[in-house]
């Protein structure tokens, strides 16, 4: 019940914010070229990729997984066994 009430309050606050922003709009006297939107998408994608990389490294460090262990195992399996 508590989660439902909190979700309803957040949804109501979001709707109120959108209505308030729509009511207080002013005309923009400026020009934005089409490349600006693509630049914003590129920056957002780069931030997302960087955040995922950092999150992955933090999770690996938390669980004690390092990339060196996998490299050592791969090197051992790649070496041929000596003949007797």
C-alpha atoms as a PDB file:
ATOM      1  CA  UNK A   1       0.000   0.000   0.000  1.00  0.00           C
ATOM      2  CA  UNK A   2       2.867   2.349   0.880  1.00  0.00           C
ATOM      3  CA  UNK A   3       4.610   1.772  -2.469  1.00  0.00           C
ATOM      4  CA  UNK A   4       1.398   2.374  -4.404  1.00  0.00           C
ATOM      5  CA  UNK A   5       0.790   5.636  -2.573  1.00  0.00           C
ATOM      6  CA  UNK A   6       4.355   6.834  -3.173  1.00  0.00           C
ATOM      7  CA  UNK A   7       4.131   5.920  -6.877  1.00  0.00           C
ATOM      8  CA  UNK A   8       0.839   7.812  -7.185  1.00  0.00           C
ATOM      9  CA  UNK A   9       2.371  10.890  -5.531  1.00  0.00           C
ATOM     10  CA  UNK A  10       5.400  10.806  -7.844  1.00  0.00           C
ATOM     11  CA  UNK A  11       3.135  10.448 -10.894  1.00  0.00           C
ATOM     12  CA  UNK A  12       0.946  13.334  -9.731  1.00  0.00           C
ATOM     13  CA  UNK A  13       3.966  15.548  -9.092  1.00  0.00           C
ATOM     14  CA  UNK A  14       5.333  14.718 -12.564  1.00  0.00           C
ATOM     15  CA  UNK A  15       2.044  15.651 -14.224  1.00  0.00           C
ATOM     16  CA  UNK A  16       1.892  18.888 -12.249  1.00  0.00           C
ATOM     17  CA  UNK A  17       5.433  19.772 -13.304  1.00  0.00           C
ATOM     18  CA  UNK A  18       4.685  19.142 -16.990  1.00  0.00           C
ATOM     19  CA  UNK A  19       1.508  21.245 -16.839  1.00  0.00           C
ATOM     20  CA  UNK A  20       3.362  24.047 -15.064  1.00  0.00           C
ATOM     21  CA  UNK A  21       6.185  24.039 -17.610  1.00  0.00           C
ATOM     22  CA  UNK A  22       3.711  24.021 -20.500  1.00  0.00           C
ATOM     23  CA  UNK A  23       1.793  26.947 -19.004  1.00  0.00           C
ATOM     24  CA  UNK A  24       4.878  29.086 -18.511  1.00  0.00           C
ATOM     25  CA  UNK A  25       6.454  28.694 -21.958  1.00  0.00           C
ATOM     26  CA  UNK A  26       7.923  31.717 -23.672  1.00  0.00           C
ATOM     27  CA  UNK A  27       8.755  32.056 -27.347  1.00  0.00           C
ATOM     28  CA  UNK A  28      12.375  31.267 -28.132  1.00  0.00           C
ATOM     29  CA  UNK A  29      14.028  33.735 -30.456  1.00  0.00           C
ATOM     30  CA  UNK A  30      16.919  31.628 -31.601  1.00  0.00           C
ATOM     31  CA  UNK A  31      18.076  29.097 -34.117  1.00  0.00           C
ATOM     32  CA  UNK A  32      19.179  25.551 -33.481  1.00  0.00           C
ATOM     33  CA  UNK A  33      20.665  23.692 -36.427  1.00  0.00           C
ATOM     34  CA  UNK A  34      19.871  19.995 -36.994  1.00  0.00           C
ATOM     35  CA  UNK A  35      23.381  18.916 -35.961  1.00  0.00           C
ATOM     36  CA  UNK A  36      22.809  20.102 -32.393  1.00  0.00           C
ATOM     37  CA  UNK A  37      20.309  17.345 -31.726  1.00  0.00           C
ATOM     38  CA  UNK A  38      22.714  14.719 -33.012  1.00  0.00           C
ATOM     39  CA  UNK A  39      25.456  16.133 -30.798  1.00  0.00           C
ATOM     40  CA  UNK A  40      23.158  15.823 -27.775  1.00  0.00           C
ATOM     41  CA  UNK A  41      22.404  12.193 -28.689  1.00  0.00           C
ATOM     42  CA  UNK A  42      26.125  11.470 -29.063  1.00  0.00           C
ATOM     43  CA  UNK A  43      26.937  13.015 -25.684  1.00  0.00           C
ATOM     44  CA  UNK A  44      24.131  11.044 -24.035  1.00  0.00           C
ATOM     45  CA  UNK A  45      25.282   7.791 -25.618  1.00  0.00           C
ATOM     46  CA  UNK A  46      28.868   8.407 -24.554  1.00  0.00           C
ATOM     47  CA  UNK A  47      27.776   9.108 -20.993  1.00  0.00           C
ATOM     48  CA  UNK A  48      25.697   5.917 -20.953  1.00  0.00           C
ATOM     49  CA  UNK A  49      28.578   3.811 -22.311  1.00  0.00           C
ATOM     50  CA  UNK A  50      31.001   5.307 -19.797  1.00  0.00           C
ATOM     51  CA  UNK A  51      28.592   4.747 -16.941  1.00  0.00           C
ATOM     52  CA  UNK A  52      28.070   1.114 -17.920  1.00  0.00           C
ATOM     53  CA  UNK A  53      31.837   0.578 -18.138  1.00  0.00           C
ATOM     54  CA  UNK A  54      32.367   2.034 -14.660  1.00  0.00           C
ATOM     55  CA  UNK A  55      29.464   0.018 -13.270  1.00  0.00           C
ATOM     56  CA  UNK A  56      30.899  -3.173 -14.789  1.00  0.00           C
ATOM     57  CA  UNK A  57      34.316  -2.539 -13.278  1.00  0.00           C
ATOM     58  CA  UNK A  58      32.794  -1.788  -9.857  1.00  0.00           C
ATOM     59  CA  UNK A  59      30.752  -5.020  -9.947  1.00  0.00           C
ATOM     60  CA  UNK A  60      33.813  -7.041 -10.974  1.00  0.00           C
ATOM     61  CA  UNK A  61      35.848  -5.501  -8.162  1.00  0.00           C
ATOM     62  CA  UNK A  62      33.024  -6.179  -5.688  1.00  0.00           C
ATOM     63  CA  UNK A  63      32.878  -9.879  -6.550  1.00  0.00           C
ATOM     64  CA  UNK A  64      36.665 -10.219  -6.829  1.00  0.00           C
ATOM     65  CA  UNK A  65      36.698 -11.020 -10.534  1.00  0.00           C
ATOM     66  CA  UNK A  66      39.689  -9.633 -12.391  1.00  0.00           C
ATOM     67  CA  UNK A  67      40.584  -9.911 -16.027  1.00  0.00           C
ATOM     68  CA  UNK A  68      44.078 -11.231 -15.178  1.00  0.00           C
ATOM     69  CA  UNK A  69      42.699 -14.596 -13.981  1.00  0.00           C
ATOM     70  CA  UNK A  70      41.067 -15.242 -17.344  1.00  0.00           C
ATOM     71  CA  UNK A  71      44.248 -14.281 -19.207  1.00  0.00           C
ATOM     72  CA  UNK A  72      46.366 -16.666 -17.149  1.00  0.00           C
ATOM     73  CA  UNK A  73      43.985 -19.551 -17.799  1.00  0.00           C
ATOM     74  CA  UNK A  74      43.901 -18.745 -21.524  1.00  0.00           C
ATOM     75  CA  UNK A  75      47.712 -18.670 -21.703  1.00  0.00           C
ATOM     76  CA  UNK A  76      47.985 -22.043 -19.951  1.00  0.00           C
ATOM     77  CA  UNK A  77      45.519 -23.695 -22.298  1.00  0.00           C
ATOM     78  CA  UNK A  78      47.173 -22.161 -25.392  1.00  0.00           C
ATOM     79  CA  UNK A  79      50.604 -23.639 -24.594  1.00  0.00           C
ATOM     80  CA  UNK A  80      51.166 -27.162 -25.958  1.00  0.00           C
ATOM     81  CA  UNK A  81      51.959 -29.818 -23.398  1.00  0.00           C
ATOM     82  CA  UNK A  82      55.584 -31.010 -23.499  1.00  0.00           C
ATOM     83  CA  UNK A  83      56.239 -34.406 -25.062  1.00  0.00           C
ATOM     84  CA  UNK A  84      57.675 -37.147 -22.882  1.00  0.00           C
END
